Amino acid sequence: MAVKSVSIRIEKEMLDKIGFIADYEGRSVNSHILVLVRENIREFEAQHGKIEGEISPDVNVKPTAKLSGKKEAD
């Protein structure tokens, strides 16, 4: 699975609010935005049918440390 990076322009106040919500949920802003994207894809597909592709919106795009080859501390 290829992970891509995207840059967006966003008003500072909106970013601050997203940051507040992300912190409240115990996530980074990046992780919170991914949650919102997954929810949007899930809702769209429920209403309009599945979009072609292999990755389900329930799949986390960031591999866990264990899966990415990093060793756990002993």
N, C-alpha and C. Protein backbone atom coordinates (compact mmCIF):
# COMPACT_ATOMS: atom_id res chain seq x y z
N MET A 1 0.85 -1.17 0.00
CA MET A 1 0.00 0.00 0.00
C MET A 1 0.90 1.23 0.00
N ALA A 2 0.71 2.12 -0.96
CA ALA A 2 1.46 3.36 -1.03
C ALA A 2 0.77 4.42 -0.18
N VAL A 3 1.54 5.07 0.65
CA VAL A 3 1.01 6.16 1.47
C VAL A 3 1.49 7.47 0.85
N LYS A 4 0.57 8.34 0.54
CA LYS A 4 0.87 9.62 -0.09
C LYS A 4 0.71 10.74 0.93
N SER A 5 1.36 11.84 0.66
CA SER A 5 1.26 13.03 1.49
C SER A 5 0.51 14.10 0.71
N VAL A 6 -0.29 14.89 1.42
CA VAL A 6 -1.03 15.97 0.78
C VAL A 6 -0.94 17.21 1.67
N SER A 7 -0.85 18.34 1.04
CA SER A 7 -0.79 19.61 1.76
C SER A 7 -2.09 20.36 1.49
N ILE A 8 -2.66 20.96 2.53
CA ILE A 8 -3.90 21.72 2.34
C ILE A 8 -3.73 23.13 2.90
N ARG A 9 -4.50 24.05 2.38
CA ARG A 9 -4.57 25.40 2.93
C ARG A 9 -5.80 25.44 3.83
N ILE A 10 -5.62 25.96 5.03
CA ILE A 10 -6.73 25.98 5.98
C ILE A 10 -6.59 27.21 6.88
N GLU A 11 -7.70 27.84 7.17
CA GLU A 11 -7.68 29.01 8.06
C GLU A 11 -7.14 28.60 9.42
N LYS A 12 -6.36 29.46 10.03
CA LYS A 12 -5.75 29.17 11.33
C LYS A 12 -6.81 28.81 12.37
N GLU A 13 -7.92 29.56 12.41
CA GLU A 13 -8.96 29.28 13.40
C GLU A 13 -9.54 27.88 13.21
N MET A 14 -9.75 27.49 11.95
CA MET A 14 -10.30 26.16 11.69
C MET A 14 -9.29 25.09 12.11
N LEU A 15 -8.02 25.29 11.81
CA LEU A 15 -6.99 24.34 12.22
C LEU A 15 -6.91 24.25 13.74
N ASP A 16 -7.02 25.40 14.41
CA ASP A 16 -7.02 25.40 15.88
C ASP A 16 -8.20 24.59 16.43
N LYS A 17 -9.37 24.74 15.81
CA LYS A 17 -10.56 24.01 16.26
C LYS A 17 -10.40 22.51 16.01
N ILE A 18 -9.86 22.16 14.84
CA ILE A 18 -9.62 20.74 14.56
C ILE A 18 -8.61 20.18 15.55
N GLY A 19 -7.59 20.98 15.86
CA GLY A 19 -6.59 20.58 16.84
C GLY A 19 -7.19 20.35 18.21
N PHE A 20 -8.13 21.21 18.60
CA PHE A 20 -8.81 21.08 19.88
C PHE A 20 -9.59 19.76 19.93
N ILE A 21 -10.34 19.49 18.87
CA ILE A 21 -11.14 18.26 18.81
C ILE A 21 -10.24 17.03 18.80
N ALA A 22 -9.17 17.09 18.00
CA ALA A 22 -8.24 15.97 17.92
C ALA A 22 -7.64 15.69 19.30
N ASP A 23 -7.22 16.74 20.00
CA ASP A 23 -6.66 16.57 21.34
C ASP A 23 -7.68 15.97 22.29
N TYR A 24 -8.91 16.44 22.21
CA TYR A 24 -9.99 15.91 23.05
C TYR A 24 -10.19 14.42 22.81
N GLU A 25 -10.06 14.00 21.53
CA GLU A 25 -10.24 12.60 21.16
C GLU A 25 -8.97 11.77 21.37
N GLY A 26 -7.87 12.43 21.78
CA GLY A 26 -6.62 11.72 22.02
C GLY A 26 -5.88 11.36 20.74
N ARG A 27 -6.04 12.19 19.71
CA ARG A 27 -5.40 11.94 18.42
C ARG A 27 -4.54 13.13 18.01
N SER A 28 -3.66 12.89 17.04
CA SER A 28 -2.97 14.00 16.38
C SER A 28 -3.96 14.61 15.38
N VAL A 29 -3.64 15.81 14.91
CA VAL A 29 -4.48 16.44 13.88
C VAL A 29 -4.51 15.55 12.63
N ASN A 30 -3.35 15.02 12.24
CA ASN A 30 -3.29 14.15 11.07
C ASN A 30 -4.21 12.93 11.23
N SER A 31 -4.12 12.27 12.37
CA SER A 31 -4.96 11.09 12.62
C SER A 31 -6.44 11.46 12.63
N HIS A 32 -6.76 12.61 13.19
CA HIS A 32 -8.16 13.03 13.25
C HIS A 32 -8.69 13.30 11.84
N ILE A 33 -7.88 13.93 11.01
CA ILE A 33 -8.31 14.19 9.64
C ILE A 33 -8.52 12.87 8.89
N LEU A 34 -7.66 11.89 9.12
CA LEU A 34 -7.85 10.57 8.49
C LEU A 34 -9.16 9.92 8.96
N VAL A 35 -9.50 10.09 10.23
CA VAL A 35 -10.78 9.56 10.73
C VAL A 35 -11.93 10.23 9.99
N LEU A 36 -11.87 11.54 9.81
CA LEU A 36 -12.93 12.27 9.11
C LEU A 36 -13.02 11.83 7.65
N VAL A 37 -11.89 11.61 7.00
CA VAL A 37 -11.88 11.15 5.61
C VAL A 37 -12.51 9.76 5.51
N ARG A 38 -12.11 8.86 6.41
CA ARG A 38 -12.70 7.50 6.40
C ARG A 38 -14.21 7.55 6.59
N GLU A 39 -14.67 8.38 7.53
CA GLU A 39 -16.11 8.51 7.77
C GLU A 39 -16.82 9.03 6.53
N ASN A 40 -16.22 10.00 5.85
CA ASN A 40 -16.82 10.56 4.65
C ASN A 40 -16.91 9.52 3.54
N ILE A 41 -15.84 8.73 3.35
CA ILE A 41 -15.85 7.67 2.34
C ILE A 41 -16.91 6.63 2.67
N ARG A 42 -16.97 6.22 3.95
CA ARG A 42 -17.96 5.22 4.37
C ARG A 42 -19.38 5.71 4.10
N GLU A 43 -19.67 6.96 4.43
CA GLU A 43 -21.00 7.53 4.21
C GLU A 43 -21.32 7.62 2.72
N PHE A 44 -20.36 8.06 1.93
CA PHE A 44 -20.57 8.17 0.49
C PHE A 44 -20.87 6.81 -0.12
N GLU A 45 -20.05 5.80 0.24
CA GLU A 45 -20.26 4.46 -0.31
C GLU A 45 -21.58 3.86 0.15
N ALA A 46 -22.01 4.16 1.35
CA ALA A 46 -23.29 3.64 1.84
C ALA A 46 -24.44 4.23 1.01
N GLN A 47 -24.27 5.46 0.57
CA GLN A 47 -25.34 6.12 -0.18
C GLN A 47 -25.26 5.86 -1.68
N HIS A 48 -24.05 5.76 -2.21
CA HIS A 48 -23.88 5.71 -3.67
C HIS A 48 -23.26 4.42 -4.19
N GLY A 49 -22.87 3.53 -3.31
CA GLY A 49 -22.23 2.29 -3.75
C GLY A 49 -20.72 2.36 -3.59
N LYS A 50 -20.12 1.19 -3.57
CA LYS A 50 -18.68 1.08 -3.33
C LYS A 50 -17.88 1.74 -4.43
N ILE A 51 -16.85 2.47 -4.03
CA ILE A 51 -15.90 3.04 -4.98
C ILE A 51 -14.83 1.98 -5.20
N GLU A 52 -14.44 1.79 -6.46
CA GLU A 52 -13.43 0.77 -6.76
C GLU A 52 -12.14 1.04 -6.00
N GLY A 53 -11.53 -0.02 -5.52
CA GLY A 53 -10.27 0.09 -4.80
C GLY A 53 -10.15 -1.05 -3.81
N GLU A 54 -8.94 -1.28 -3.36
CA GLU A 54 -8.67 -2.40 -2.46
C GLU A 54 -8.81 -2.05 -0.99
N ILE A 55 -8.60 -0.79 -0.64
CA ILE A 55 -8.57 -0.41 0.77
C ILE A 55 -9.96 -0.01 1.24
N SER A 56 -10.41 -0.65 2.29
CA SER A 56 -11.67 -0.30 2.92
C SER A 56 -11.46 0.95 3.77
N PRO A 57 -12.47 1.80 3.94
CA PRO A 57 -12.31 2.98 4.80
C PRO A 57 -12.04 2.61 6.26
N ASP A 58 -12.22 1.35 6.62
CA ASP A 58 -11.96 0.93 8.00
C ASP A 58 -10.48 0.61 8.23
N VAL A 59 -9.69 0.56 7.16
CA VAL A 59 -8.28 0.22 7.28
C VAL A 59 -7.47 1.46 7.65
N ASN A 60 -6.58 1.29 8.62
CA ASN A 60 -5.71 2.38 9.02
C ASN A 60 -4.58 2.48 8.01
N VAL A 61 -4.33 3.66 7.48
CA VAL A 61 -3.29 3.81 6.47
C VAL A 61 -1.90 3.92 7.07
N LYS A 62 -1.80 4.09 8.36
CA LYS A 62 -0.49 4.17 9.02
C LYS A 62 -0.20 2.82 9.67
N PRO A 63 0.81 2.09 9.17
CA PRO A 63 1.10 0.79 9.77
C PRO A 63 1.57 0.94 11.21
N THR A 64 1.25 -0.05 12.00
CA THR A 64 1.72 -0.04 13.38
C THR A 64 3.22 -0.20 13.40
N ALA A 65 3.86 0.17 14.50
CA ALA A 65 5.31 0.07 14.62
C ALA A 65 5.77 -1.36 14.39
N LYS A 66 4.99 -2.31 14.88
CA LYS A 66 5.35 -3.72 14.74
C LYS A 66 5.35 -4.14 13.26
N LEU A 67 4.38 -3.65 12.49
CA LEU A 67 4.28 -4.02 11.10
C LEU A 67 5.29 -3.28 10.23
N SER A 68 5.74 -2.12 10.66
CA SER A 68 6.66 -1.34 9.84
C SER A 68 8.11 -1.71 10.07
N GLY A 69 8.36 -2.73 10.90
CA GLY A 69 9.70 -3.23 11.07
C GLY A 69 10.43 -2.68 12.28
N LYS A 70 9.80 -1.79 13.03
CA LYS A 70 10.44 -1.25 14.22
C LYS A 70 10.37 -2.27 15.35
N LYS A 71 11.43 -2.37 16.13
CA LYS A 71 11.45 -3.32 17.23
C LYS A 71 10.88 -2.69 18.48
N GLU A 72 10.11 -3.47 19.21
CA GLU A 72 9.56 -3.01 20.47
C GLU A 72 10.65 -2.99 21.52
N ALA A 73 10.54 -2.05 22.48
CA ALA A 73 11.53 -1.97 23.57
C ALA A 73 11.40 -3.19 24.48
N ASP A 74 12.56 -3.76 24.88
CA ASP A 74 12.54 -4.94 25.77
C ASP A 74 12.32 -4.55 27.21
